[in-house]
PDB file of N, CA and C in Angstrom:
ATOM      1  N   MET A   1      97.403  86.986 104.855  1.00  0.00           N
ATOM      2  CA  MET A   1      97.129  88.164 103.799  1.00  0.00           C
ATOM      3  C   MET A   1      97.143  89.280 104.866  1.00  0.00           C
ATOM      4  N   VAL A   2      96.705  88.605 106.203  1.00  0.00           N
ATOM      5  CA  VAL A   2      96.711  89.855 107.227  1.00  0.00           C
ATOM      6  C   VAL A   2      98.157  90.554 107.486  1.00  0.00           C
ATOM      7  N   ARG A   3      98.980  89.764 107.096  1.00  0.00           N
ATOM      8  CA  ARG A   3     100.314  90.003 107.765  1.00  0.00           C
ATOM      9  C   ARG A   3     100.925  91.185 106.325  1.00  0.00           C
ATOM     10  N   LYS A   4     100.560  90.729 105.569  1.00  0.00           N
ATOM     11  CA  LYS A   4     100.811  91.616 104.262  1.00  0.00           C
ATOM     12  C   LYS A   4      99.676  93.027 104.380  1.00  0.00           C
ATOM     13  N   LEU A   5      98.556  93.143 104.551  1.00  0.00           N
ATOM     14  CA  LEU A   5      97.727  93.945 104.792  1.00  0.00           C
ATOM     15  C   LEU A   5      98.688  94.782 106.024  1.00  0.00           C
ATOM     16  N   GLY A   6      99.029  94.402 107.181  1.00  0.00           N
ATOM     17  CA  GLY A   6      99.054  95.284 108.238  1.00  0.00           C
ATOM     18  C   GLY A   6     100.568  95.979 107.874  1.00  0.00           C
ATOM     19  N   TYR A   7     101.513  95.320 107.065  1.00  0.00           N
ATOM     20  CA  TYR A   7     102.514  95.797 106.333  1.00  0.00           C
ATOM     21  C   TYR A   7     102.484  96.889 105.702  1.00  0.00           C
ATOM     22  N   LEU A   8     101.516  96.631 104.939  1.00  0.00           N
ATOM     23  CA  LEU A   8     101.283  97.519 103.416  1.00  0.00           C
ATOM     24  C   LEU A   8     100.761  98.962 104.218  1.00  0.00           C
ATOM     25  N   PHE A   9      99.671  99.312 105.408  1.00  0.00           N
ATOM     26  CA  PHE A   9      99.449 100.041 105.794  1.00  0.00           C
ATOM     27  C   PHE A   9      99.839 100.730 106.822  1.00  0.00           C
ATOM     28  N   LEU A  10     100.252  99.915 107.961  1.00  0.00           N
ATOM     29  CA  LEU A  10     100.921 100.387 109.292  1.00  0.00           C
ATOM     30  C   LEU A  10     102.318 100.736 109.120  1.00  0.00           C
ATOM     31  N   GLN A  11     103.067  99.999 108.296  1.00  0.00           N
ATOM     32  CA  GLN A  11     104.720  99.934 108.478  1.00  0.00           C
ATOM     33  C   GLN A  11     105.065 101.552 108.012  1.00  0.00           C
ATOM     34  N   PRO A  12     103.908 102.237 106.775  1.00  0.00           N
ATOM     35  CA  PRO A  12     104.485 103.258 106.542  1.00  0.00           C
ATOM     36  C   PRO A  12     104.230 104.690 107.484  1.00  0.00           C
ATOM     37  N   MET A  13     103.275 104.222 108.896  1.00  0.00           N
ATOM     38  CA  MET A  13     102.688 104.858 109.601  1.00  0.00           C
ATOM     39  C   MET A  13     104.201 104.714 110.344  1.00  0.00           C
ATOM     40  N   ILE A  14     104.544 103.362 111.003  1.00  0.00           N
ATOM     41  CA  ILE A  14     105.811 103.276 111.995  1.00  0.00           C
ATOM     42  C   ILE A  14     106.992 104.574 111.304  1.00  0.00           C
ATOM     43  N   ASP A  15     106.987 103.948 110.426  1.00  0.00           N
ATOM     44  CA  ASP A  15     108.492 104.271 109.972  1.00  0.00           C
ATOM     45  C   ASP A  15     108.219 105.877 109.438  1.00  0.00           C
ATOM     46  N   THR A  16     107.031 106.760 109.435  1.00  0.00           N
ATOM     47  CA  THR A  16     106.726 108.279 109.554  1.00  0.00           C
ATOM     48  C   THR A  16     107.081 108.819 111.029  1.00  0.00           C
ATOM     49  N   LEU A  17     106.650 108.002 111.893  1.00  0.00           N
ATOM     50  CA  LEU A  17     106.724 108.331 113.590  1.00  0.00           C
ATOM     51  C   LEU A  17     108.183 108.221 113.886  1.00  0.00           C
ATOM     52  N   TRP A  18     109.051 107.486 113.781  1.00  0.00           N
ATOM     53  CA  TRP A  18     110.220 106.973 113.906  1.00  0.00           C
ATOM     54  C   TRP A  18     111.097 108.021 113.110  1.00  0.00           C
ATOM     55  N   ASP A  19     110.770 108.583 111.986  1.00  0.00           N
ATOM     56  CA  ASP A  19     111.532 109.475 111.270  1.00  0.00           C
ATOM     57  C   ASP A  19     111.136 111.192 112.576  1.00  0.00           C
ATOM     58  N   GLN A  20     109.965 110.943 112.647  1.00  0.00           N
ATOM     59  CA  GLN A  20     109.602 112.614 113.768  1.00  0.00           C
ATOM     60  C   GLN A  20     110.351 112.457 115.350  1.00  0.00           C
ATOM     61  N   LEU A  21     110.551 110.984 115.595  1.00  0.00           N
ATOM     62  CA  LEU A  21     111.061 110.725 117.286  1.00  0.00           C
ATOM     63  C   LEU A  21     112.527 110.515 117.076  1.00  0.00           C
ATOM     64  N   THR A  22     113.082 110.232 116.124  1.00  0.00           N
ATOM     65  CA  THR A  22     114.592 110.001 116.178  1.00  0.00           C
ATOM     66  C   THR A  22     115.166 111.393 116.069  1.00  0.00           C
ATOM     67  N   VAL A  23     116.477 111.690 116.686  1.00  0.00           N
ATOM     68  CA  VAL A  23     117.136 112.893 116.384  1.00  0.00           C
ATOM     69  C   VAL A  23     118.233 112.945 114.889  1.00  0.00           C
ATOM     70  N   PRO A  24     118.261 113.529 114.101  1.00  0.00           N
ATOM     71  CA  PRO A  24     119.090 113.532 112.940  1.00  0.00           C
ATOM     72  C   PRO A  24     120.321 113.376 112.972  1.00  0.00           C
ATOM     73  N   ASP A  25     121.244 112.482 112.495  1.00  0.00           N
ATOM     74  CA  ASP A  25     122.846 112.331 112.496  1.00  0.00           C
ATOM     75  C   ASP A  25     123.172 111.740 113.515  1.00  0.00           C
ATOM     76  N   THR A  26     122.359 110.758 114.247  1.00  0.00           N
ATOM     77  CA  THR A  26     123.111 110.629 115.767  1.00  0.00           C
ATOM     78  C   THR A  26     123.214 109.258 115.400  1.00  0.00           C
ATOM     79  N   GLY A  27     123.362 108.514 114.313  1.00  0.00           N
ATOM     80  CA  GLY A  27     123.810 106.956 114.385  1.00  0.00           C
ATOM     81  C   GLY A  27     122.635 106.130 114.635  1.00  0.00           C
ATOM     82  N   ALA A  28     121.527 106.655 114.385  1.00  0.00           N
ATOM     83  CA  ALA A  28     120.101 105.708 115.561  1.00  0.00           C
ATOM     84  C   ALA A  28     120.314 104.059 114.626  1.00  0.00           C
ATOM     85  N   PRO A  29     119.761 103.354 116.151  1.00  0.00           N
ATOM     86  CA  PRO A  29     119.443 102.208 115.199  1.00  0.00           C
ATOM     87  C   PRO A  29     118.774 101.859 114.221  1.00  0.00           C
ATOM     88  N   ASN A  30     118.916 100.800 113.389  1.00  0.00           N
ATOM     89  CA  ASN A  30     118.042 100.045 112.546  1.00  0.00           C
ATOM     90  C   ASN A  30     116.358 100.406 113.083  1.00  0.00           C
ATOM     91  N   ARG A  31     115.500 101.326 112.064  1.00  0.00           N
ATOM     92  CA  ARG A  31     113.768 101.541 111.991  1.00  0.00           C
ATOM     93  C   ARG A  31     113.406 100.240 112.662  1.00  0.00           C
ATOM     94  N   PRO A  32     112.263 100.447 113.406  1.00  0.00           N
ATOM     95  CA  PRO A  32     111.363  99.359 114.187  1.00  0.00           C
ATOM     96  C   PRO A  32     110.601  98.123 112.425  1.00  0.00           C
ATOM     97  N   THR A  33     110.460  96.959 112.804  1.00  0.00           N
ATOM     98  CA  THR A  33     109.715  96.980 111.595  1.00  0.00           C
ATOM     99  C   THR A  33     108.401  96.223 112.051  1.00  0.00           C
ATOM    100  N   LEU A  34     107.314  95.856 111.816  1.00  0.00           N
ATOM    101  CA  LEU A  34     106.045  95.682 112.139  1.00  0.00           C
ATOM    102  C   LEU A  34     105.869  94.023 111.790  1.00  0.00           C
ATOM    103  N   SER A  35     105.792  93.563 113.032  1.00  0.00           N
ATOM    104  CA  SER A  35     105.817  91.938 113.117  1.00  0.00           C
ATOM    105  C   SER A  35     104.173  92.037 113.741  1.00  0.00           C
ATOM    106  N   VAL A  36     103.230  91.080 112.421  1.00  0.00           N
ATOM    107  CA  VAL A  36     102.111  90.328 112.813  1.00  0.00           C
ATOM    108  C   VAL A  36     101.519  88.920 112.818  1.00  0.00           C
ATOM    109  N   THR A  37     101.571  88.777 113.721  1.00  0.00           N
ATOM    110  CA  THR A  37     101.337  86.910 114.485  1.00  0.00           C
ATOM    111  C   THR A  37      99.653  86.574 114.443  1.00  0.00           C
ATOM    112  N   VAL A  38      99.434  85.767 113.790  1.00  0.00           N
ATOM    113  CA  VAL A  38      97.958  85.154 113.784  1.00  0.00           C
ATOM    114  C   VAL A  38      97.819  83.790 114.463  1.00  0.00           C
ATOM    115  N   ARG A  39      97.288  84.107 115.291  1.00  0.00           N
ATOM    116  CA  ARG A  39      97.408  82.639 116.332  1.00  0.00           C
ATOM    117  C   ARG A  39      95.746  81.793 116.114  1.00  0.00           C
ATOM    118  N   GLY A  40      95.544  80.963 116.350  1.00  0.00           N
ATOM    119  CA  GLY A  40      94.606  80.237 116.277  1.00  0.00           C
ATOM    120  C   GLY A  40      93.661  80.342 117.429  1.00  0.00           C
ATOM    121  N   GLY A  41      92.063  80.287 117.493  1.00  0.00           N
ATOM    122  CA  GLY A  41      91.181  80.584 118.088  1.00  0.00           C
ATOM    123  C   GLY A  41      90.212  79.954 118.503  1.00  0.00           C
ATOM    124  N   ALA A  42      88.981  80.341 118.838  1.00  0.00           N
ATOM    125  CA  ALA A  42      88.199  79.759 118.983  1.00  0.00           C
ATOM    126  C   ALA A  42      87.409  79.876 117.622  1.00  0.00           C
ATOM    127  N   PRO A  43      86.285  78.817 116.764  1.00  0.00           N
ATOM    128  CA  PRO A  43      86.240  78.879 115.874  1.00  0.00           C
ATOM    129  C   PRO A  43      85.232  80.229 115.752  1.00  0.00           C
ATOM    130  N   VAL A  44      84.788  80.555 114.348  1.00  0.00           N
ATOM    131  CA  VAL A  44      84.219  81.824 114.016  1.00  0.00           C
ATOM    132  C   VAL A  44      82.788  81.055 113.404  1.00  0.00           C
ATOM    133  N   VAL A  45      81.653  81.267 113.784  1.00  0.00           N
ATOM    134  CA  VAL A  45      80.556  80.887 113.755  1.00  0.00           C
ATOM    135  C   VAL A  45      79.832  82.063 113.264  1.00  0.00           C
ATOM    136  N   SER A  46      79.693  81.323 111.643  1.00  0.00           N
ATOM    137  CA  SER A  46      78.330  82.794 111.100  1.00  0.00           C
ATOM    138  C   SER A  46      76.866  81.804 110.963  1.00  0.00           C
ATOM    139  N   VAL A  47      75.869  83.050 111.289  1.00  0.00           N
ATOM    140  CA  VAL A  47      74.225  82.625 111.345  1.00  0.00           C
ATOM    141  C   VAL A  47      74.013  83.238 110.092  1.00  0.00           C
TER     142      VAL A  47
END
């Protein structure tokens, strides 16, 4: 779910920034794609 939310909310922002930073008609490489990795950590304790 975290990956999906990251993609839905952050990928459009990355695409917009990429469009603003690249020079049109230069054959720029493919757009960057957001990748979210979730790693195990200390357990969360609820009080």
